[in-house]
Amino acid sequence: MAEGKEQFEEYKGFTIRVLAVPEYSPHPPDILFGYTGYVCRPSDDIRYSPSRVNFSHAIPDLPNAEAAEQTGFVEARSIVDGTHPDLSVDGL
Protein backbone atom coordinates (compact mmCIF):
# COMPACT_ATOMS: atom_id res chain seq x y z
CA MET A 1 0.00 0.00 0.00
CA ALA A 2 1.41 3.32 -1.03
CA GLU A 3 0.66 6.54 0.75
CA GLY A 4 -1.27 8.98 -1.41
CA LYS A 5 -2.47 6.24 -3.76
CA GLU A 6 -6.02 4.98 -3.51
CA GLN A 7 -6.42 1.27 -2.88
CA PHE A 8 -9.11 -0.92 -4.43
CA GLU A 9 -10.58 -4.25 -3.39
CA GLU A 10 -13.36 -6.40 -4.81
CA TYR A 11 -15.65 -7.80 -2.10
CA LYS A 12 -18.88 -9.77 -2.52
CA GLY A 13 -19.73 -8.16 -5.86
CA PHE A 14 -18.78 -4.62 -4.83
CA THR A 15 -15.76 -2.42 -5.45
CA ILE A 16 -14.26 -0.76 -2.38
CA ARG A 17 -11.98 2.25 -2.71
CA VAL A 18 -9.99 3.65 0.25
CA LEU A 19 -7.57 6.57 0.37
CA ALA A 20 -5.44 7.28 3.46
CA VAL A 21 -5.46 10.99 4.32
CA PRO A 22 -2.66 12.56 6.40
CA GLU A 23 -3.45 15.09 9.11
CA TYR A 24 -1.72 17.71 6.98
CA SER A 25 0.69 17.80 4.08
CA PRO A 26 3.57 18.05 3.53
CA HIS A 27 4.12 16.13 6.69
CA PRO A 28 6.96 14.99 8.90
CA PRO A 29 7.41 11.34 9.94
CA ASP A 30 4.99 9.92 12.52
CA ILE A 31 2.02 11.98 11.34
CA LEU A 32 -1.45 10.57 12.02
CA PHE A 33 -3.91 9.52 9.31
CA GLY A 34 -7.62 9.24 8.62
CA TYR A 35 -9.27 7.84 5.49
CA THR A 36 -12.02 8.36 2.98
CA GLY A 37 -13.63 5.93 0.58
CA TYR A 38 -16.68 4.52 -1.10
CA VAL A 39 -18.43 1.26 -1.98
CA CYS A 40 -20.08 0.72 -5.38
CA ARG A 41 -20.94 -1.91 -7.95
CA PRO A 42 -18.07 -2.44 -10.43
CA SER A 43 -20.14 -1.29 -13.42
CA ASP A 44 -21.60 1.85 -11.79
CA ASP A 45 -20.68 5.37 -12.83
CA ILE A 46 -19.22 6.63 -9.56
CA ARG A 47 -19.51 10.28 -10.58
CA TYR A 48 -23.13 10.11 -9.45
CA SER A 49 -23.60 9.84 -5.72
CA PRO A 50 -26.67 7.56 -5.82
CA SER A 51 -24.37 4.93 -7.37
CA ARG A 52 -22.05 4.72 -4.36
CA VAL A 53 -21.96 4.75 -0.56
CA ASN A 54 -19.39 7.22 0.78
CA PHE A 55 -17.68 6.78 4.14
CA SER A 56 -14.80 8.45 5.96
CA HIS A 57 -12.84 8.68 9.18
CA ALA A 58 -11.99 12.36 9.28
CA ILE A 59 -10.26 12.33 12.67
CA PRO A 60 -6.57 11.63 12.06
CA ASP A 61 -5.88 9.14 14.85
CA LEU A 62 -4.39 6.18 12.97
CA PRO A 63 -0.61 5.72 13.17
CA ASN A 64 0.19 5.41 9.45
CA ALA A 65 -1.25 5.13 5.95
CA GLU A 66 -1.36 1.33 6.04
CA ALA A 67 -3.38 1.29 9.27
CA ALA A 68 -5.78 3.88 7.82
CA GLU A 69 -6.27 1.82 4.65
CA GLN A 70 -6.80 -1.42 6.57
CA THR A 71 -9.33 0.24 8.90
CA GLY A 72 -11.11 1.75 5.89
CA PHE A 73 -11.47 -1.66 4.26
CA VAL A 74 -12.86 -3.10 7.49
CA GLU A 75 -15.48 -0.33 7.60
CA ALA A 76 -16.33 -0.83 3.92
CA ARG A 77 -16.77 -4.59 4.36
CA SER A 78 -19.15 -3.91 7.26
CA ILE A 79 -21.22 -1.72 4.93
CA VAL A 80 -21.42 -4.52 2.36
CA ASP A 81 -22.12 -7.16 5.03
CA GLY A 82 -24.93 -5.07 6.53
CA THR A 83 -23.31 -4.78 9.97
CA HIS A 84 -22.40 -1.07 9.77
CA PRO A 85 -24.58 0.90 12.24
CA ASP A 86 -25.36 3.75 9.83
CA LEU A 87 -24.62 2.80 6.22
CA SER A 88 -25.73 0.04 3.84
CA VAL A 89 -25.57 -0.93 0.19
CA ASP A 90 -29.35 -1.29 -0.09
CA GLY A 91 -30.40 0.13 -3.43
CA LEU A 92 -27.03 -0.15 -5.15
PDB file of N, CA and C in Angstrom:
ATOM      1  N   MET A   1       0.838  -1.176   0.000  1.00  0.00           N
ATOM      2  CA  MET A   1       0.000   0.000   0.000  1.00  0.00           C
ATOM      3  C   MET A   1       0.883   1.238   0.000  1.00  0.00           C
ATOM      4  N   ALA A   2       0.589   2.127  -0.894  1.00  0.00           N
ATOM      5  CA  ALA A   2       1.414   3.315  -1.035  1.00  0.00           C
ATOM      6  C   ALA A   2       0.648   4.550  -0.581  1.00  0.00           C
ATOM      7  N   GLU A   3       1.283   5.313   0.258  1.00  0.00           N
ATOM      8  CA  GLU A   3       0.658   6.541   0.746  1.00  0.00           C
ATOM      9  C   GLU A   3       0.331   7.464  -0.417  1.00  0.00           C
ATOM     10  N   GLY A   4      -0.857   8.057  -0.370  1.00  0.00           N
ATOM     11  CA  GLY A   4      -1.273   8.978  -1.410  1.00  0.00           C
ATOM     12  C   GLY A   4      -1.833   8.295  -2.645  1.00  0.00           C
ATOM     13  N   LYS A   5      -1.937   6.983  -2.627  1.00  0.00           N
ATOM     14  CA  LYS A   5      -2.471   6.238  -3.759  1.00  0.00           C
ATOM     15  C   LYS A   5      -3.690   5.461  -3.280  1.00  0.00           C
ATOM     16  N   GLU A   6      -4.817   5.668  -3.941  1.00  0.00           N
ATOM     17  CA  GLU A   6      -6.022   4.976  -3.508  1.00  0.00           C
ATOM     18  C   GLU A   6      -5.879   3.475  -3.738  1.00  0.00           C
ATOM     19  N   GLN A   7      -6.476   2.719  -2.844  1.00  0.00           N
ATOM     20  CA  GLN A   7      -6.417   1.268  -2.884  1.00  0.00           C
ATOM     21  C   GLN A   7      -7.798   0.726  -3.213  1.00  0.00           C
ATOM     22  N   PHE A   8      -7.850  -0.313  -4.027  1.00  0.00           N
ATOM     23  CA  PHE A   8      -9.112  -0.919  -4.433  1.00  0.00           C
ATOM     24  C   PHE A   8      -9.158  -2.374  -4.008  1.00  0.00           C
ATOM     25  N   GLU A   9     -10.361  -2.846  -3.730  1.00  0.00           N
ATOM     26  CA  GLU A   9     -10.577  -4.248  -3.387  1.00  0.00           C
ATOM     27  C   GLU A   9     -11.957  -4.640  -3.906  1.00  0.00           C
ATOM     28  N   GLU A  10     -12.059  -5.845  -4.429  1.00  0.00           N
ATOM     29  CA  GLU A  10     -13.362  -6.404  -4.806  1.00  0.00           C
ATOM     30  C   GLU A  10     -13.835  -7.248  -3.630  1.00  0.00           C
ATOM     31  N   TYR A  11     -15.114  -7.077  -3.249  1.00  0.00           N
ATOM     32  CA  TYR A  11     -15.647  -7.797  -2.099  1.00  0.00           C
ATOM     33  C   TYR A  11     -17.127  -8.071  -2.309  1.00  0.00           C
ATOM     34  N   LYS A  12     -17.484  -9.325  -2.407  1.00  0.00           N
ATOM     35  CA  LYS A  12     -18.877  -9.771  -2.520  1.00  0.00           C
ATOM     36  C   LYS A  12     -19.661  -9.008  -3.595  1.00  0.00           C
ATOM     37  N   GLY A  13     -19.042  -8.818  -4.752  1.00  0.00           N
ATOM     38  CA  GLY A  13     -19.730  -8.156  -5.857  1.00  0.00           C
ATOM     39  C   GLY A  13     -19.692  -6.642  -5.823  1.00  0.00           C
ATOM     40  N   PHE A  14     -18.921  -6.073  -4.928  1.00  0.00           N
ATOM     41  CA  PHE A  14     -18.777  -4.618  -4.829  1.00  0.00           C
ATOM     42  C   PHE A  14     -17.314  -4.232  -4.992  1.00  0.00           C
ATOM     43  N   THR A  15     -17.092  -3.000  -5.420  1.00  0.00           N
ATOM     44  CA  THR A  15     -15.756  -2.421  -5.448  1.00  0.00           C
ATOM     45  C   THR A  15     -15.644  -1.491  -4.254  1.00  0.00           C
ATOM     46  N   ILE A  16     -14.540  -1.634  -3.529  1.00  0.00           N
ATOM     47  CA  ILE A  16     -14.261  -0.760  -2.384  1.00  0.00           C
ATOM     48  C   ILE A  16     -13.037   0.074  -2.743  1.00  0.00           C
ATOM     49  N   ARG A  17     -13.111   1.359  -2.473  1.00  0.00           N
ATOM     50  CA  ARG A  17     -11.983   2.255  -2.708  1.00  0.00           C
ATOM     51  C   ARG A  17     -11.685   2.969  -1.401  1.00  0.00           C
ATOM     52  N   VAL A  18     -10.414   2.980  -0.985  1.00  0.00           N
ATOM     53  CA  VAL A  18      -9.995   3.650   0.250  1.00  0.00           C
ATOM     54  C   VAL A  18      -8.749   4.479  -0.041  1.00  0.00           C
ATOM     55  N   LEU A  19      -8.726   5.686   0.494  1.00  0.00           N
ATOM     56  CA  LEU A  19      -7.569   6.567   0.372  1.00  0.00           C
ATOM     57  C   LEU A  19      -7.187   7.050   1.767  1.00  0.00           C
ATOM     58  N   ALA A  20      -5.950   6.771   2.181  1.00  0.00           N
ATOM     59  CA  ALA A  20      -5.441   7.276   3.459  1.00  0.00           C
ATOM     60  C   ALA A  20      -5.193   8.776   3.327  1.00  0.00           C
ATOM     61  N   VAL A  21      -5.587   9.536   4.355  1.00  0.00           N
ATOM     62  CA  VAL A  21      -5.463  10.994   4.319  1.00  0.00           C
ATOM     63  C   VAL A  21      -4.637  11.448   5.524  1.00  0.00           C
ATOM     64  N   PRO A  22      -3.477  12.092   5.274  1.00  0.00           N
ATOM     65  CA  PRO A  22      -2.656  12.563   6.402  1.00  0.00           C
ATOM     66  C   PRO A  22      -3.303  13.757   7.091  1.00  0.00           C
ATOM     67  N   GLU A  23      -2.917  13.966   8.332  1.00  0.00           N
ATOM     68  CA  GLU A  23      -3.447  15.090   9.114  1.00  0.00           C
ATOM     69  C   GLU A  23      -3.202  16.413   8.391  1.00  0.00           C
ATOM     70  N   TYR A  24      -2.033  16.556   7.821  1.00  0.00           N
ATOM     71  CA  TYR A  24      -1.716  17.706   6.977  1.00  0.00           C
ATOM     72  C   TYR A  24      -0.554  17.326   6.082  1.00  0.00           C
ATOM     73  N   SER A  25      -0.346  18.119   5.051  1.00  0.00           N
ATOM     74  CA  SER A  25       0.692  17.803   4.083  1.00  0.00           C
ATOM     75  C   SER A  25       1.325  19.098   3.614  1.00  0.00           C
ATOM     76  N   PRO A  26       2.616  19.135   3.336  1.00  0.00           N
ATOM     77  CA  PRO A  26       3.569  18.052   3.526  1.00  0.00           C
ATOM     78  C   PRO A  26       3.706  17.744   5.006  1.00  0.00           C
ATOM     79  N   HIS A  27       4.127  16.548   5.291  1.00  0.00           N
ATOM     80  CA  HIS A  27       4.122  16.134   6.689  1.00  0.00           C
ATOM     81  C   HIS A  27       5.434  15.460   7.092  1.00  0.00           C
ATOM     82  N   PRO A  28       5.769  15.638   8.357  1.00  0.00           N
ATOM     83  CA  PRO A  28       6.959  14.992   8.897  1.00  0.00           C
ATOM     84  C   PRO A  28       6.658  13.521   9.188  1.00  0.00           C
ATOM     85  N   PRO A  29       7.658  12.738   9.546  1.00  0.00           N
ATOM     86  CA  PRO A  29       7.407  11.343   9.943  1.00  0.00           C
ATOM     87  C   PRO A  29       6.491  11.293  11.168  1.00  0.00           C
ATOM     88  N   ASP A  30       5.850  10.176  11.362  1.00  0.00           N
ATOM     89  CA  ASP A  30       4.987   9.923  12.524  1.00  0.00           C
ATOM     90  C   ASP A  30       3.738  10.803  12.561  1.00  0.00           C
ATOM     91  N   ILE A  31       3.273  11.227  11.403  1.00  0.00           N
ATOM     92  CA  ILE A  31       2.019  11.984  11.343  1.00  0.00           C
ATOM     93  C   ILE A  31       0.851  10.995  11.418  1.00  0.00           C
ATOM     94  N   LEU A  32      -0.276  11.435  11.911  1.00  0.00           N
ATOM     95  CA  LEU A  32      -1.452  10.573  12.019  1.00  0.00           C
ATOM     96  C   LEU A  32      -2.305  10.661  10.749  1.00  0.00           C
ATOM     97  N   PHE A  33      -3.109   9.616  10.530  1.00  0.00           N
ATOM     98  CA  PHE A  33      -3.914   9.516   9.315  1.00  0.00           C
ATOM     99  C   PHE A  33      -5.377   9.237   9.622  1.00  0.00           C
ATOM    100  N   GLY A  34      -6.226   9.645   8.696  1.00  0.00           N
ATOM    101  CA  GLY A  34      -7.620   9.242   8.619  1.00  0.00           C
ATOM    102  C   GLY A  34      -7.797   8.578   7.265  1.00  0.00           C
ATOM    103  N   TYR A  35      -9.043   8.423   6.815  1.00  0.00           N
ATOM    104  CA  TYR A  35      -9.268   7.841   5.493  1.00  0.00           C
ATOM    105  C   TYR A  35     -10.618   8.293   4.949  1.00  0.00           C
ATOM    106  N   THR A  36     -10.763   8.132   3.659  1.00  0.00           N
ATOM    107  CA  THR A  36     -12.025   8.358   2.979  1.00  0.00           C
ATOM    108  C   THR A  36     -12.180   7.267   1.940  1.00  0.00           C
ATOM    109  N   GLY A  37     -13.429   6.974   1.574  1.00  0.00           N
ATOM    110  CA  GLY A  37     -13.630   5.934   0.577  1.00  0.00           C
ATOM    111  C   GLY A  37     -15.072   5.800   0.161  1.00  0.00           C
ATOM    112  N   TYR A  38     -15.325   4.814  -0.684  1.00  0.00           N
ATOM    113  CA  TYR A  38     -16.683   4.520  -1.102  1.00  0.00           C
ATOM    114  C   TYR A  38     -16.813   3.051  -1.472  1.00  0.00           C
ATOM    115  N   VAL A  39     -18.063   2.600  -1.531  1.00  0.00           N
ATOM    116  CA  VAL A  39     -18.427   1.260  -1.976  1.00  0.00           C
ATOM    117  C   VAL A  39     -19.377   1.436  -3.146  1.00  0.00           C
ATOM    118  N   CYS A  40     -19.191   0.660  -4.224  1.00  0.00           N
ATOM    119  CA  CYS A  40     -20.082   0.724  -5.378  1.00  0.00           C
ATOM    120  C   CYS A  40     -20.071  -0.612  -6.114  1.00  0.00           C
ATOM    121  N   ARG A  41     -20.969  -0.760  -7.062  1.00  0.00           N
ATOM    122  CA  ARG A  41     -20.937  -1.914  -7.954  1.00  0.00           C
ATOM    123  C   ARG A  41     -19.867  -1.644  -9.004  1.00  0.00           C
ATOM    124  N   PRO A  42     -19.157  -2.660  -9.473  1.00  0.00           N
ATOM    125  CA  PRO A  42     -18.069  -2.439 -10.431  1.00  0.00           C
ATOM    126  C   PRO A  42     -18.487  -1.715 -11.706  1.00  0.00           C
ATOM    127  N   SER A  43     -19.715  -1.900 -12.160  1.00  0.00           N
ATOM    128  CA  SER A  43     -20.139  -1.291 -13.421  1.00  0.00           C
ATOM    129  C   SER A  43     -20.765   0.095 -13.250  1.00  0.00           C
ATOM    130  N   ASP A  44     -20.927   0.564 -12.022  1.00  0.00           N
ATOM    131  CA  ASP A  44     -21.595   1.851 -11.788  1.00  0.00           C
ATOM    132  C   ASP A  44     -20.718   3.036 -12.169  1.00  0.00           C
ATOM    133  N   ASP A  45     -21.371   4.111 -12.560  1.00  0.00           N
ATOM    134  CA  ASP A  45     -20.680   5.371 -12.830  1.00  0.00           C
ATOM    135  C   ASP A  45     -20.573   6.108 -11.500  1.00  0.00           C
ATOM    136  N   ILE A  46     -19.397   6.101 -10.912  1.00  0.00           N
ATOM    137  CA  ILE A  46     -19.216   6.633  -9.561  1.00  0.00           C
ATOM    138  C   ILE A  46     -19.273   8.151  -9.481  1.00  0.00           C
ATOM    139  N   ARG A  47     -19.391   8.820 -10.620  1.00  0.00           N
ATOM    140  CA  ARG A  47     -19.515  10.276 -10.582  1.00  0.00           C
ATOM    141  C   ARG A  47     -20.843  10.704  -9.982  1.00  0.00           C
ATOM    142  N   TYR A  48     -21.798   9.795  -9.951  1.00  0.00           N
ATOM    143  CA  TYR A  48     -23.127  10.113  -9.447  1.00  0.00           C
ATOM    144  C   TYR A  48     -23.313   9.485  -8.076  1.00  0.00           C
ATOM    145  N   SER A  49     -23.548  10.311  -7.093  1.00  0.00           N
ATOM    146  CA  SER A  49     -23.597   9.839  -5.718  1.00  0.00           C
ATOM    147  C   SER A  49     -24.636   8.764  -5.429  1.00  0.00           C
ATOM    148  N   PRO A  50     -25.770   8.676  -6.115  1.00  0.00           N
ATOM    149  CA  PRO A  50     -26.675   7.556  -5.817  1.00  0.00           C
ATOM    150  C   PRO A  50     -26.090   6.195  -6.202  1.00  0.00           C
ATOM    151  N   SER A  51     -24.987   6.185  -6.929  1.00  0.00           N
ATOM    152  CA  SER A  51     -24.366   4.935  -7.369  1.00  0.00           C
ATOM    153  C   SER A  51     -23.299   4.431  -6.411  1.00  0.00           C
ATOM    154  N   ARG A  52     -23.104   5.127  -5.301  1.00  0.00           N
ATOM    155  CA  ARG A  52     -22.053   4.718  -4.358  1.00  0.00           C
ATOM    156  C   ARG A  52     -22.460   5.066  -2.934  1.00  0.00           C
ATOM    157  N   VAL A  53     -21.788   4.430  -1.979  1.00  0.00           N
ATOM    158  CA  VAL A  53     -21.958   4.751  -0.563  1.00  0.00           C
ATOM    159  C   VAL A  53     -20.614   5.310  -0.091  1.00  0.00           C
ATOM    160  N   ASN A  54     -20.604   6.567   0.296  1.00  0.00           N
ATOM    161  CA  ASN A  54     -19.389   7.217   0.781  1.00  0.00           C
ATOM    162  C   ASN A  54     -19.222   6.991   2.278  1.00  0.00           C
ATOM    163  N   PHE A  55     -17.974   6.886   2.719  1.00  0.00           N
ATOM    164  CA  PHE A  55     -17.677   6.783   4.141  1.00  0.00           C
ATOM    165  C   PHE A  55     -16.326   7.446   4.394  1.00  0.00           C
ATOM    166  N   SER A  56     -16.090   7.839   5.638  1.00  0.00           N
ATOM    167  CA  SER A  56     -14.801   8.452   5.963  1.00  0.00           C
ATOM    168  C   SER A  56     -14.545   8.393   7.462  1.00  0.00           C
ATOM    169  N   HIS A  57     -13.308   8.564   7.796  1.00  0.00           N
ATOM    170  CA  HIS A  57     -12.843   8.679   9.179  1.00  0.00           C
ATOM    171  C   HIS A  57     -11.987   9.939   9.179  1.00  0.00           C
ATOM    172  N   ALA A  58     -12.638  11.065   9.440  1.00  0.00           N
ATOM    173  CA  ALA A  58     -11.987  12.363   9.277  1.00  0.00           C
ATOM    174  C   ALA A  58     -11.039  12.728  10.413  1.00  0.00           C
ATOM    175  N   ILE A  59     -11.136  12.028  11.537  1.00  0.00           N
ATOM    176  CA  ILE A  59     -10.258  12.332  12.670  1.00  0.00           C
ATOM    177  C   ILE A  59      -8.940  11.588  12.467  1.00  0.00           C
ATOM    178  N   PRO A  60      -7.850  12.303  12.294  1.00  0.00           N
ATOM    179  CA  PRO A  60      -6.573  11.629  12.059  1.00  0.00           C
ATOM    180  C   PRO A  60      -6.030  11.035  13.367  1.00  0.00           C
ATOM    181  N   ASP A  61      -6.352   9.780  13.629  1.00  0.00           N
ATOM    182  CA  ASP A  61      -5.879   9.142  14.853  1.00  0.00           C
ATOM    183  C   ASP A  61      -5.278   7.760  14.593  1.00  0.00           C
ATOM    184  N   LEU A  62      -5.012   7.461  13.333  1.00  0.00           N
ATOM    185  CA  LEU A  62      -4.395   6.184  12.972  1.00  0.00           C
ATOM    186  C   LEU A  62      -2.905   6.409  12.723  1.00  0.00           C
ATOM    187  N   PRO A  63      -2.050   5.468  13.130  1.00  0.00           N
ATOM    188  CA  PRO A  63      -0.606   5.723  13.172  1.00  0.00           C
ATOM    189  C   PRO A  63       0.101   5.859  11.831  1.00  0.00           C
ATOM    190  N   ASN A  64      -0.474   5.314  10.744  1.00  0.00           N
ATOM    191  CA  ASN A  64       0.194   5.412   9.453  1.00  0.00           C
ATOM    192  C   ASN A  64      -0.813   5.140   8.336  1.00  0.00           C
ATOM    193  N   ALA A  65      -0.363   5.304   7.094  1.00  0.00           N
ATOM    194  CA  ALA A  65      -1.247   5.135   5.947  1.00  0.00           C
ATOM    195  C   ALA A  65      -1.778   3.704   5.848  1.00  0.00           C
ATOM    196  N   GLU A  66      -0.935   2.731   6.131  1.00  0.00           N
ATOM    197  CA  GLU A  66      -1.362   1.332   6.035  1.00  0.00           C
ATOM    198  C   GLU A  66      -2.471   1.017   7.040  1.00  0.00           C
ATOM    199  N   ALA A  67      -2.348   1.509   8.257  1.00  0.00           N
ATOM    200  CA  ALA A  67      -3.384   1.291   9.268  1.00  0.00           C
ATOM    201  C   ALA A  67      -4.682   1.977   8.858  1.00  0.00           C
ATOM    202  N   ALA A  68      -4.585   3.162   8.274  1.00  0.00           N
ATOM    203  CA  ALA A  68      -5.777   3.875   7.820  1.00  0.00           C
ATOM    204  C   ALA A  68      -6.467   3.100   6.698  1.00  0.00           C
ATOM    205  N   GLU A  69      -5.692   2.584   5.750  1.00  0.00           N
ATOM    206  CA  GLU A  69      -6.269   1.817   4.647  1.00  0.00           C
ATOM    207  C   GLU A  69      -6.925   0.535   5.168  1.00  0.00           C
ATOM    208  N   GLN A  70      -6.250  -0.176   6.029  1.00  0.00           N
ATOM    209  CA  GLN A  70      -6.801  -1.417   6.572  1.00  0.00           C
ATOM    210  C   GLN A  70      -8.106  -1.152   7.332  1.00  0.00           C
ATOM    211  N   THR A  71      -8.134  -0.108   8.144  1.00  0.00           N
ATOM    212  CA  THR A  71      -9.330   0.243   8.899  1.00  0.00           C
ATOM    213  C   THR A  71     -10.454   0.660   7.954  1.00  0.00           C
ATOM    214  N   GLY A  72     -10.116   1.368   6.886  1.00  0.00           N
ATOM    215  CA  GLY A  72     -11.109   1.751   5.888  1.00  0.00           C
ATOM    216  C   GLY A  72     -11.733   0.544   5.207  1.00  0.00           C
ATOM    217  N   PHE A  73     -10.919  -0.454   4.876  1.00  0.00           N
ATOM    218  CA  PHE A  73     -11.465  -1.663   4.257  1.00  0.00           C
ATOM    219  C   PHE A  73     -12.347  -2.443   5.223  1.00  0.00           C
ATOM    220  N   VAL A  74     -12.004  -2.446   6.496  1.00  0.00           N
ATOM    221  CA  VAL A  74     -12.860  -3.102   7.494  1.00  0.00           C
ATOM    222  C   VAL A  74     -14.213  -2.400   7.550  1.00  0.00           C
ATOM    223  N   GLU A  75     -14.210  -1.068   7.569  1.00  0.00           N
ATOM    224  CA  GLU A  75     -15.475  -0.332   7.599  1.00  0.00           C
ATOM    225  C   GLU A  75     -16.287  -0.605   6.335  1.00  0.00           C
ATOM    226  N   ALA A  76     -15.632  -0.595   5.182  1.00  0.00           N
ATOM    227  CA  ALA A  76     -16.334  -0.832   3.922  1.00  0.00           C
ATOM    228  C   ALA A  76     -16.950  -2.231   3.877  1.00  0.00           C
ATOM    229  N   ARG A  77     -16.216  -3.229   4.339  1.00  0.00           N
ATOM    230  CA  ARG A  77     -16.766  -4.591   4.357  1.00  0.00           C
ATOM    231  C   ARG A  77     -17.986  -4.674   5.270  1.00  0.00           C
ATOM    232  N   SER A  78     -17.982  -3.911   6.365  1.00  0.00           N
ATOM    233  CA  SER A  78     -19.145  -3.913   7.258  1.00  0.00           C
ATOM    234  C   SER A  78     -20.356  -3.280   6.576  1.00  0.00           C
ATOM    235  N   ILE A  79     -20.122  -2.315   5.694  1.00  0.00           N
ATOM    236  CA  ILE A  79     -21.216  -1.717   4.926  1.00  0.00           C
ATOM    237  C   ILE A  79     -21.809  -2.763   3.986  1.00  0.00           C
ATOM    238  N   VAL A  80     -20.954  -3.480   3.282  1.00  0.00           N
ATOM    239  CA  VAL A  80     -21.417  -4.521   2.356  1.00  0.00           C
ATOM    240  C   VAL A  80     -22.112  -5.650   3.111  1.00  0.00           C
ATOM    241  N   ASP A  81     -21.562  -6.048   4.250  1.00  0.00           N
ATOM    242  CA  ASP A  81     -22.121  -7.160   5.033  1.00  0.00           C
ATOM    243  C   ASP A  81     -23.406  -6.801   5.765  1.00  0.00           C
ATOM    244  N   GLY A  82     -23.725  -5.500   5.845  1.00  0.00           N
ATOM    245  CA  GLY A  82     -24.933  -5.068   6.526  1.00  0.00           C
ATOM    246  C   GLY A  82     -24.776  -4.951   8.032  1.00  0.00           C
ATOM    247  N   THR A  83     -23.532  -4.895   8.521  1.00  0.00           N
ATOM    248  CA  THR A  83     -23.308  -4.779   9.970  1.00  0.00           C
ATOM    249  C   THR A  83     -22.906  -3.368  10.392  1.00  0.00           C
ATOM    250  N   HIS A  84     -22.754  -2.463   9.445  1.00  0.00           N
ATOM    251  CA  HIS A  84     -22.404  -1.069   9.775  1.00  0.00           C
ATOM    252  C   HIS A  84     -23.620  -0.435  10.445  1.00  0.00           C
ATOM    253  N   PRO A  85     -23.423   0.334  11.527  1.00  0.00           N
ATOM    254  CA  PRO A  85     -24.576   0.895  12.238  1.00  0.00           C
ATOM    255  C   PRO A  85     -25.348   1.975  11.463  1.00  0.00           C
ATOM    256  N   ASP A  86     -24.706   2.617  10.489  1.00  0.00           N
ATOM    257  CA  ASP A  86     -25.364   3.753   9.826  1.00  0.00           C
ATOM    258  C   ASP A  86     -25.485   3.636   8.310  1.00  0.00           C
ATOM    259  N   LEU A  87     -24.663   2.830   7.674  1.00  0.00           N
ATOM    260  CA  LEU A  87     -24.622   2.797   6.216  1.00  0.00           C
ATOM    261  C   LEU A  87     -24.906   1.399   5.685  1.00  0.00           C
ATOM    262  N   SER A  88     -25.485   1.333   4.470  1.00  0.00           N
ATOM    263  CA  SER A  88     -25.731   0.039   3.835  1.00  0.00           C
ATOM    264  C   SER A  88     -25.664   0.193   2.329  1.00  0.00           C
ATOM    265  N   VAL A  89     -25.597  -0.932   1.653  1.00  0.00           N
ATOM    266  CA  VAL A  89     -25.569  -0.928   0.187  1.00  0.00           C
ATOM    267  C   VAL A  89     -26.961  -1.187  -0.402  1.00  0.00           C
ATOM    268  N   ASP A  90     -27.986  -1.120   0.420  1.00  0.00           N
ATOM    269  CA  ASP A  90     -29.353  -1.294  -0.093  1.00  0.00           C
ATOM    270  C   ASP A  90     -29.609  -0.293  -1.191  1.00  0.00           C
ATOM    271  N   GLY A  91     -30.101  -0.760  -2.310  1.00  0.00           N
ATOM    272  CA  GLY A  91     -30.403   0.125  -3.431  1.00  0.00           C
ATOM    273  C   GLY A  91     -29.294   0.277  -4.431  1.00  0.00           C
ATOM    274  N   LEU A  92     -28.122  -0.254  -4.157  1.00  0.00           N
ATOM    275  CA  LEU A  92     -27.031  -0.154  -5.146  1.00  0.00           C
ATOM    276  C   LEU A  92     -27.115  -1.289  -6.130  1.00  0.00           C
TER     277      LEU A  92
END
